[in-house]
């Protein structure tokens, strides 16, 4: 049975091999805010991948999902915001 040490997240982020291979990358997600993300795999020499963006912000699609996909009215969305549901 294979066995080995289990690293913490901090251990992996600071592991020299992961740092050298850029397996974990620091990506800007806003003004003065960085996010650690897994690096691009596979690492190709002639066409290396890059992280272009980290995705949309949390809640960016709430109105589209509730209104367009589930049929909630603008009045309902307004009321839900006022009472803190969304």
PDB file of N, CA and C in Angstrom:
ATOM      1  N   UNK A   1       0.839  -1.156   0.000  1.00  0.00           N
ATOM      2  CA  UNK A   1       0.000   0.000   0.000  1.00  0.00           C
ATOM      3  C   UNK A   1       0.894   1.232   0.000  1.00  0.00           C
ATOM      4  N   UNK A   2       0.750   2.098  -1.016  1.00  0.00           N
ATOM      5  CA  UNK A   2       1.554   3.319  -1.040  1.00  0.00           C
ATOM      6  C   UNK A   2       1.134   4.264   0.075  1.00  0.00           C
ATOM      7  N   UNK A   3       2.096   4.974   0.607  1.00  0.00           N
ATOM      8  CA  UNK A   3       1.800   5.926   1.677  1.00  0.00           C
ATOM      9  C   UNK A   3       2.762   7.098   1.577  1.00  0.00           C
ATOM     10  N   UNK A   4       2.351   8.213   2.089  1.00  0.00           N
ATOM     11  CA  UNK A   4       3.212   9.390   2.081  1.00  0.00           C
ATOM     12  C   UNK A   4       2.596  10.468   2.937  1.00  0.00           C
ATOM     13  N   UNK A   5       3.349  11.524   3.156  1.00  0.00           N
ATOM     14  CA  UNK A   5       2.829  12.610   3.999  1.00  0.00           C
ATOM     15  C   UNK A   5       1.695  13.364   3.299  1.00  0.00           C
ATOM     16  N   UNK A   6       0.786  13.887   4.101  1.00  0.00           N
ATOM     17  CA  UNK A   6      -0.307  14.714   3.594  1.00  0.00           C
ATOM     18  C   UNK A   6       0.032  16.154   3.933  1.00  0.00           C
ATOM     19  N   UNK A   7       0.073  17.003   2.904  1.00  0.00           N
ATOM     20  CA  UNK A   7       0.433  18.403   3.117  1.00  0.00           C
ATOM     21  C   UNK A   7      -0.797  19.254   3.377  1.00  0.00           C
ATOM     22  N   UNK A   8      -0.588  20.320   4.126  1.00  0.00           N
ATOM     23  CA  UNK A   8      -1.632  21.322   4.290  1.00  0.00           C
ATOM     24  C   UNK A   8      -1.629  22.206   3.048  1.00  0.00           C
ATOM     25  N   UNK A   9      -2.637  23.047   2.894  1.00  0.00           N
ATOM     26  CA  UNK A   9      -2.680  23.971   1.764  1.00  0.00           C
ATOM     27  C   UNK A   9      -1.456  24.876   1.809  1.00  0.00           C
ATOM     28  N   UNK A  10      -1.121  25.386   2.976  1.00  0.00           N
ATOM     29  CA  UNK A  10       0.053  26.254   3.110  1.00  0.00           C
ATOM     30  C   UNK A  10       1.320  25.505   2.724  1.00  0.00           C
ATOM     31  N   UNK A  11       1.388  24.225   3.065  1.00  0.00           N
ATOM     32  CA  UNK A  11       2.550  23.419   2.707  1.00  0.00           C
ATOM     33  C   UNK A  11       2.677  23.248   1.208  1.00  0.00           C
ATOM     34  N   UNK A  12       1.575  23.015   0.529  1.00  0.00           N
ATOM     35  CA  UNK A  12       1.594  22.845  -0.921  1.00  0.00           C
ATOM     36  C   UNK A  12       1.981  24.152  -1.599  1.00  0.00           C
ATOM     37  N   UNK A  13       1.395  25.258  -1.172  1.00  0.00           N
ATOM     38  CA  UNK A  13       1.655  26.562  -1.785  1.00  0.00           C
ATOM     39  C   UNK A  13       3.127  26.933  -1.670  1.00  0.00           C
ATOM     40  N   UNK A  14       3.762  26.533  -0.592  1.00  0.00           N
ATOM     41  CA  UNK A  14       5.169  26.887  -0.360  1.00  0.00           C
ATOM     42  C   UNK A  14       6.149  25.783  -0.724  1.00  0.00           C
ATOM     43  N   UNK A  15       5.676  24.661  -1.206  1.00  0.00           N
ATOM     44  CA  UNK A  15       6.544  23.545  -1.596  1.00  0.00           C
ATOM     45  C   UNK A  15       7.414  23.980  -2.775  1.00  0.00           C
ATOM     46  N   UNK A  16       8.759  23.870  -2.671  1.00  0.00           N
ATOM     47  CA  UNK A  16       9.640  24.352  -3.741  1.00  0.00           C
ATOM     48  C   UNK A  16       9.306  23.798  -5.130  1.00  0.00           C
ATOM     49  N   UNK A  17       8.952  22.528  -5.227  1.00  0.00           N
ATOM     50  CA  UNK A  17       8.635  21.959  -6.541  1.00  0.00           C
ATOM     51  C   UNK A  17       7.377  22.604  -7.133  1.00  0.00           C
ATOM     52  N   UNK A  18       6.353  22.827  -6.336  1.00  0.00           N
ATOM     53  CA  UNK A  18       5.134  23.470  -6.828  1.00  0.00           C
ATOM     54  C   UNK A  18       5.404  24.922  -7.221  1.00  0.00           C
ATOM     55  N   UNK A  19       6.238  25.603  -6.430  1.00  0.00           N
ATOM     56  CA  UNK A  19       6.580  26.997  -6.734  1.00  0.00           C
ATOM     57  C   UNK A  19       7.336  27.070  -8.055  1.00  0.00           C
ATOM     58  N   UNK A  20       8.345  26.220  -8.231  1.00  0.00           N
ATOM     59  CA  UNK A  20       9.155  26.226  -9.452  1.00  0.00           C
ATOM     60  C   UNK A  20       8.316  25.905 -10.687  1.00  0.00           C
ATOM     61  N   UNK A  21       7.385  24.975 -10.574  1.00  0.00           N
ATOM     62  CA  UNK A  21       6.557  24.572 -11.720  1.00  0.00           C
ATOM     63  C   UNK A  21       5.334  25.484 -11.903  1.00  0.00           C
ATOM     64  N   UNK A  22       5.183  26.490 -11.037  1.00  0.00           N
ATOM     65  CA  UNK A  22       4.037  27.399 -11.068  1.00  0.00           C
ATOM     66  C   UNK A  22       2.719  26.628 -11.023  1.00  0.00           C
ATOM     67  N   UNK A  23       2.696  25.579 -10.193  1.00  0.00           N
ATOM     68  CA  UNK A  23       1.492  24.764 -10.040  1.00  0.00           C
ATOM     69  C   UNK A  23       0.388  25.518  -9.311  1.00  0.00           C
ATOM     70  N   UNK A  24       0.772  26.496  -8.519  1.00  0.00           N
ATOM     71  CA  UNK A  24      -0.178  27.380  -7.857  1.00  0.00           C
ATOM     72  C   UNK A  24       0.199  28.792  -8.283  1.00  0.00           C
ATOM     73  N   UNK A  25      -0.774  29.537  -8.789  1.00  0.00           N
ATOM     74  CA  UNK A  25      -0.501  30.887  -9.276  1.00  0.00           C
ATOM     75  C   UNK A  25      -1.339  31.911  -8.519  1.00  0.00           C
ATOM     76  N   UNK A  26      -0.771  33.075  -8.343  1.00  0.00           N
ATOM     77  CA  UNK A  26      -1.464  34.195  -7.710  1.00  0.00           C
ATOM     78  C   UNK A  26      -2.051  35.059  -8.824  1.00  0.00           C
ATOM     79  N   UNK A  27      -3.379  35.230  -8.794  1.00  0.00           N
ATOM     80  CA  UNK A  27      -4.086  35.937  -9.860  1.00  0.00           C
ATOM     81  C   UNK A  27      -4.852  37.117  -9.261  1.00  0.00           C
ATOM     82  N   UNK A  28      -4.806  38.256  -9.942  1.00  0.00           N
ATOM     83  CA  UNK A  28      -5.516  39.444  -9.481  1.00  0.00           C
ATOM     84  C   UNK A  28      -7.021  39.272  -9.684  1.00  0.00           C
ATOM     85  N   UNK A  29      -7.787  39.548  -8.627  1.00  0.00           N
ATOM     86  CA  UNK A  29      -9.248  39.456  -8.718  1.00  0.00           C
ATOM     87  C   UNK A  29      -9.908  40.795  -8.410  1.00  0.00           C
ATOM     88  N   UNK A  30      -9.129  41.820  -8.410  1.00  0.00           N
ATOM     89  CA  UNK A  30      -9.661  43.144  -8.124  1.00  0.00           C
ATOM     90  C   UNK A  30      -8.544  44.035  -7.659  1.00  0.00           C
ATOM     91  N   UNK A  31      -8.921  45.225  -7.292  1.00  0.00           N
ATOM     92  CA  UNK A  31      -7.921  46.173  -6.840  1.00  0.00           C
ATOM     93  C   UNK A  31      -7.321  45.710  -5.524  1.00  0.00           C
ATOM     94  N   UNK A  32      -6.031  45.464  -5.521  1.00  0.00           N
ATOM     95  CA  UNK A  32      -5.287  45.041  -4.329  1.00  0.00           C
ATOM     96  C   UNK A  32      -5.757  43.717  -3.739  1.00  0.00           C
ATOM     97  N   UNK A  33      -6.340  42.847  -4.549  1.00  0.00           N
ATOM     98  CA  UNK A  33      -6.779  41.542  -4.055  1.00  0.00           C
ATOM     99  C   UNK A  33      -6.259  40.450  -4.980  1.00  0.00           C
ATOM    100  N   UNK A  34      -5.645  39.437  -4.376  1.00  0.00           N
ATOM    101  CA  UNK A  34      -5.086  38.332  -5.136  1.00  0.00           C
ATOM    102  C   UNK A  34      -5.738  37.023  -4.678  1.00  0.00           C
ATOM    103  N   UNK A  35      -5.793  36.063  -5.590  1.00  0.00           N
ATOM    104  CA  UNK A  35      -6.381  34.759  -5.312  1.00  0.00           C
ATOM    105  C   UNK A  35      -5.405  33.694  -5.763  1.00  0.00           C
ATOM    106  N   UNK A  36      -5.154  32.700  -4.920  1.00  0.00           N
ATOM    107  CA  UNK A  36      -4.316  31.576  -5.311  1.00  0.00           C
ATOM    108  C   UNK A  36      -5.170  30.561  -6.051  1.00  0.00           C
ATOM    109  N   UNK A  37      -4.685  30.142  -7.220  1.00  0.00           N
ATOM    110  CA  UNK A  37      -5.418  29.192  -8.062  1.00  0.00           C
ATOM    111  C   UNK A  37      -4.469  28.117  -8.566  1.00  0.00           C
ATOM    112  N   UNK A  38      -5.003  26.950  -8.901  1.00  0.00           N
ATOM    113  CA  UNK A  38      -4.155  25.949  -9.558  1.00  0.00           C
ATOM    114  C   UNK A  38      -3.659  26.496 -10.887  1.00  0.00           C
ATOM    115  N   UNK A  39      -2.430  26.198 -11.232  1.00  0.00           N
ATOM    116  CA  UNK A  39      -1.868  26.627 -12.507  1.00  0.00           C
ATOM    117  C   UNK A  39      -2.450  25.840 -13.666  1.00  0.00           C
ATOM    118  N   UNK A  40      -2.126  26.259 -14.876  1.00  0.00           N
ATOM    119  CA  UNK A  40      -2.626  25.623 -16.087  1.00  0.00           C
ATOM    120  C   UNK A  40      -1.877  24.311 -16.326  1.00  0.00           C
ATOM    121  N   UNK A  41      -2.624  23.251 -16.583  1.00  0.00           N
ATOM    122  CA  UNK A  41      -2.057  21.933 -16.870  1.00  0.00           C
ATOM    123  C   UNK A  41      -2.672  21.447 -18.166  1.00  0.00           C
ATOM    124  N   UNK A  42      -1.943  20.892 -19.089  1.00  0.00           N
ATOM    125  CA  UNK A  42      -0.508  20.630 -19.056  1.00  0.00           C
ATOM    126  C   UNK A  42       0.294  21.871 -19.393  1.00  0.00           C
ATOM    127  N   UNK A  43       1.561  21.849 -19.016  1.00  0.00           N
ATOM    128  CA  UNK A  43       2.491  22.946 -19.288  1.00  0.00           C
ATOM    129  C   UNK A  43       3.152  22.671 -20.638  1.00  0.00           C
ATOM    130  N   UNK A  44       2.730  23.361 -21.678  1.00  0.00           N
ATOM    131  CA  UNK A  44       3.282  23.162 -23.015  1.00  0.00           C
ATOM    132  C   UNK A  44       4.341  24.224 -23.301  1.00  0.00           C
ATOM    133  N   UNK A  45       5.452  23.817 -23.926  1.00  0.00           N
ATOM    134  CA  UNK A  45       6.564  24.746 -24.167  1.00  0.00           C
ATOM    135  C   UNK A  45       6.221  25.813 -25.206  1.00  0.00           C
ATOM    136  N   UNK A  46       5.636  25.422 -26.327  1.00  0.00           N
ATOM    137  CA  UNK A  46       5.382  26.394 -27.394  1.00  0.00           C
ATOM    138  C   UNK A  46       4.082  27.171 -27.209  1.00  0.00           C
ATOM    139  N   UNK A  47       3.120  26.582 -26.558  1.00  0.00           N
ATOM    140  CA  UNK A  47       1.837  27.253 -26.354  1.00  0.00           C
ATOM    141  C   UNK A  47       1.399  27.126 -24.893  1.00  0.00           C
ATOM    142  N   UNK A  48       2.129  27.792 -23.994  1.00  0.00           N
ATOM    143  CA  UNK A  48       1.761  27.681 -22.577  1.00  0.00           C
ATOM    144  C   UNK A  48       0.413  28.347 -22.306  1.00  0.00           C
ATOM    145  N   UNK A  49      -0.362  27.735 -21.479  1.00  0.00           N
ATOM    146  CA  UNK A  49      -1.654  28.308 -21.120  1.00  0.00           C
ATOM    147  C   UNK A  49      -1.487  29.426 -20.112  1.00  0.00           C
ATOM    148  N   UNK A  50      -2.482  30.271 -20.029  1.00  0.00           N
ATOM    149  CA  UNK A  50      -2.490  31.353 -19.043  1.00  0.00           C
ATOM    150  C   UNK A  50      -3.875  31.453 -18.420  1.00  0.00           C
ATOM    151  N   UNK A  51      -3.932  32.044 -17.259  1.00  0.00           N
ATOM    152  CA  UNK A  51      -5.214  32.309 -16.607  1.00  0.00           C
ATOM    153  C   UNK A  51      -5.626  33.711 -17.019  1.00  0.00           C
ATOM    154  N   UNK A  52      -6.665  33.804 -17.852  1.00  0.00           N
ATOM    155  CA  UNK A  52      -7.109  35.098 -18.375  1.00  0.00           C
ATOM    156  C   UNK A  52      -7.988  35.843 -17.370  1.00  0.00           C
ATOM    157  N   UNK A  53      -8.835  35.128 -16.665  1.00  0.00           N
ATOM    158  CA  UNK A  53      -9.675  35.735 -15.631  1.00  0.00           C
ATOM    159  C   UNK A  53     -10.148  34.634 -14.704  1.00  0.00           C
ATOM    160  N   UNK A  54     -10.649  35.016 -13.552  1.00  0.00           N
ATOM    161  CA  UNK A  54     -11.043  34.034 -12.543  1.00  0.00           C
ATOM    162  C   UNK A  54     -12.532  33.721 -12.560  1.00  0.00           C
ATOM    163  N   UNK A  55     -13.243  34.318 -13.489  1.00  0.00           N
ATOM    164  CA  UNK A  55     -14.678  34.077 -13.573  1.00  0.00           C
ATOM    165  C   UNK A  55     -15.461  35.280 -13.076  1.00  0.00           C
ATOM    166  N   UNK A  56     -16.751  35.170 -13.171  1.00  0.00           N
ATOM    167  CA  UNK A  56     -17.617  36.277 -12.765  1.00  0.00           C
ATOM    168  C   UNK A  56     -17.726  36.330 -11.250  1.00  0.00           C
ATOM    169  N   UNK A  57     -18.047  37.509 -10.730  1.00  0.00           N
ATOM    170  CA  UNK A  57     -18.169  37.669  -9.287  1.00  0.00           C
ATOM    171  C   UNK A  57     -19.416  36.946  -8.777  1.00  0.00           C
ATOM    172  N   UNK A  58     -19.400  36.627  -7.500  1.00  0.00           N
ATOM    173  CA  UNK A  58     -20.529  35.940  -6.882  1.00  0.00           C
ATOM    174  C   UNK A  58     -21.764  36.812  -6.993  1.00  0.00           C
ATOM    175  N   UNK A  59     -22.847  36.256  -7.489  1.00  0.00           N
ATOM    176  CA  UNK A  59     -24.104  36.971  -7.618  1.00  0.00           C
ATOM    177  C   UNK A  59     -24.278  37.712  -8.929  1.00  0.00           C
ATOM    178  N   UNK A  60     -23.270  37.682  -9.800  1.00  0.00           N
ATOM    179  CA  UNK A  60     -23.345  38.424 -11.057  1.00  0.00           C
ATOM    180  C   UNK A  60     -24.488  37.942 -11.948  1.00  0.00           C
ATOM    181  N   UNK A  61     -24.897  36.704 -11.809  1.00  0.00           N
ATOM    182  CA  UNK A  61     -25.942  36.150 -12.666  1.00  0.00           C
ATOM    183  C   UNK A  61     -27.256  35.880 -11.937  1.00  0.00           C
ATOM    184  N   UNK A  62     -27.396  36.397 -10.726  1.00  0.00           N
ATOM    185  CA  UNK A  62     -28.595  36.145  -9.926  1.00  0.00           C
ATOM    186  C   UNK A  62     -29.867  36.571 -10.645  1.00  0.00           C
ATOM    187  N   UNK A  63     -29.891  37.797 -11.170  1.00  0.00           N
ATOM    188  CA  UNK A  63     -31.102  38.281 -11.848  1.00  0.00           C
ATOM    189  C   UNK A  63     -31.441  37.443 -13.074  1.00  0.00           C
ATOM    190  N   UNK A  64     -30.446  37.081 -13.858  1.00  0.00           N
ATOM    191  CA  UNK A  64     -30.685  36.273 -15.060  1.00  0.00           C
ATOM    192  C   UNK A  64     -31.284  34.925 -14.674  1.00  0.00           C
ATOM    193  N   UNK A  65     -30.723  34.308 -13.671  1.00  0.00           N
ATOM    194  CA  UNK A  65     -31.211  32.984 -13.264  1.00  0.00           C
ATOM    195  C   UNK A  65     -32.625  33.072 -12.699  1.00  0.00           C
ATOM    196  N   UNK A  66     -32.846  34.000 -11.775  1.00  0.00           N
ATOM    197  CA  UNK A  66     -34.164  34.094 -11.133  1.00  0.00           C
ATOM    198  C   UNK A  66     -35.244  34.606 -12.088  1.00  0.00           C
ATOM    199  N   UNK A  67     -34.917  35.600 -12.891  1.00  0.00           N
ATOM    200  CA  UNK A  67     -35.936  36.196 -13.772  1.00  0.00           C
ATOM    201  C   UNK A  67     -36.080  35.415 -15.072  1.00  0.00           C
ATOM    202  N   UNK A  68     -35.012  35.312 -15.830  1.00  0.00           N
ATOM    203  CA  UNK A  68     -35.105  34.702 -17.161  1.00  0.00           C
ATOM    204  C   UNK A  68     -35.332  33.195 -17.119  1.00  0.00           C
ATOM    205  N   UNK A  69     -34.651  32.509 -16.226  1.00  0.00           N
ATOM    206  CA  UNK A  69     -34.769  31.051 -16.204  1.00  0.00           C
ATOM    207  C   UNK A  69     -35.898  30.537 -15.310  1.00  0.00           C
ATOM    208  N   UNK A  70     -36.170  31.248 -14.200  1.00  0.00           N
ATOM    209  CA  UNK A  70     -37.178  30.764 -13.256  1.00  0.00           C
ATOM    210  C   UNK A  70     -38.451  31.604 -13.244  1.00  0.00           C
ATOM    211  N   UNK A  71     -38.463  32.710 -14.000  1.00  0.00           N
ATOM    212  CA  UNK A  71     -39.689  33.481 -14.157  1.00  0.00           C
ATOM    213  C   UNK A  71     -40.028  34.460 -13.055  1.00  0.00           C
ATOM    214  N   UNK A  72     -39.090  34.828 -12.195  1.00  0.00           N
ATOM    215  CA  UNK A  72     -39.378  35.800 -11.136  1.00  0.00           C
ATOM    216  C   UNK A  72     -39.571  37.187 -11.746  1.00  0.00           C
ATOM    217  N   UNK A  73     -40.525  37.931 -11.219  1.00  0.00           N
ATOM    218  CA  UNK A  73     -40.819  39.274 -11.728  1.00  0.00           C
ATOM    219  C   UNK A  73     -39.829  40.293 -11.156  1.00  0.00           C
ATOM    220  N   UNK A  74     -39.694  41.449 -11.817  1.00  0.00           N
ATOM    221  CA  UNK A  74     -38.832  42.503 -11.263  1.00  0.00           C
ATOM    222  C   UNK A  74     -39.288  42.934  -9.868  1.00  0.00           C
ATOM    223  N   UNK A  75     -40.588  42.946  -9.634  1.00  0.00           N
ATOM    224  CA  UNK A  75     -41.107  43.310  -8.313  1.00  0.00           C
ATOM    225  C   UNK A  75     -40.661  42.298  -7.252  1.00  0.00           C
ATOM    226  N   UNK A  76     -40.719  41.026  -7.604  1.00  0.00           N
ATOM    227  CA  UNK A  76     -40.298  39.985  -6.667  1.00  0.00           C
ATOM    228  C   UNK A  76     -38.812  40.117  -6.355  1.00  0.00           C
ATOM    229  N   UNK A  77     -37.997  40.368  -7.378  1.00  0.00           N
ATOM    230  CA  UNK A  77     -36.559  40.541  -7.158  1.00  0.00           C
ATOM    231  C   UNK A  77     -36.296  41.717  -6.218  1.00  0.00           C
ATOM    232  N   UNK A  78     -37.005  42.819  -6.436  1.00  0.00           N
ATOM    233  CA  UNK A  78     -36.844  44.000  -5.590  1.00  0.00           C
ATOM    234  C   UNK A  78     -37.220  43.673  -4.145  1.00  0.00           C
ATOM    235  N   UNK A  79     -38.358  43.008  -3.967  1.00  0.00           N
ATOM    236  CA  UNK A  79     -38.813  42.643  -2.620  1.00  0.00           C
ATOM    237  C   UNK A  79     -37.819  41.694  -1.950  1.00  0.00           C
ATOM    238  N   UNK A  80     -37.338  40.708  -2.673  1.00  0.00           N
ATOM    239  CA  UNK A  80     -36.379  39.741  -2.109  1.00  0.00           C
ATOM    240  C   UNK A  80     -35.096  40.439  -1.675  1.00  0.00           C
ATOM    241  N   UNK A  81     -34.673  41.457  -2.438  1.00  0.00           N
ATOM    242  CA  UNK A  81     -33.483  42.209  -2.045  1.00  0.00           C
ATOM    243  C   UNK A  81     -33.750  43.015  -0.770  1.00  0.00           C
ATOM    244  N   UNK A  82     -34.917  43.625  -0.686  1.00  0.00           N
ATOM    245  CA  UNK A  82     -35.257  44.457   0.473  1.00  0.00           C
ATOM    246  C   UNK A  82     -35.301  43.648   1.757  1.00  0.00           C
ATOM    247  N   UNK A  83     -35.793  42.414   1.688  1.00  0.00           N
ATOM    248  CA  UNK A  83     -35.881  41.586   2.901  1.00  0.00           C
ATOM    249  C   UNK A  83     -34.634  40.737   3.124  1.00  0.00           C
ATOM    250  N   UNK A  84     -33.661  40.811   2.194  1.00  0.00           N
ATOM    251  CA  UNK A  84     -32.394  40.109   2.387  1.00  0.00           C
ATOM    252  C   UNK A  84     -32.354  38.682   1.902  1.00  0.00           C
ATOM    253  N   UNK A  85     -33.327  38.279   1.095  1.00  0.00           N
ATOM    254  CA  UNK A  85     -33.294  36.923   0.554  1.00  0.00           C
ATOM    255  C   UNK A  85     -32.168  36.797  -0.474  1.00  0.00           C
ATOM    256  N   UNK A  86     -32.024  37.826  -1.285  1.00  0.00           N
ATOM    257  CA  UNK A  86     -30.919  37.856  -2.256  1.00  0.00           C
ATOM    258  C   UNK A  86     -30.128  39.143  -2.086  1.00  0.00           C
TER     259      UNK A  86
END
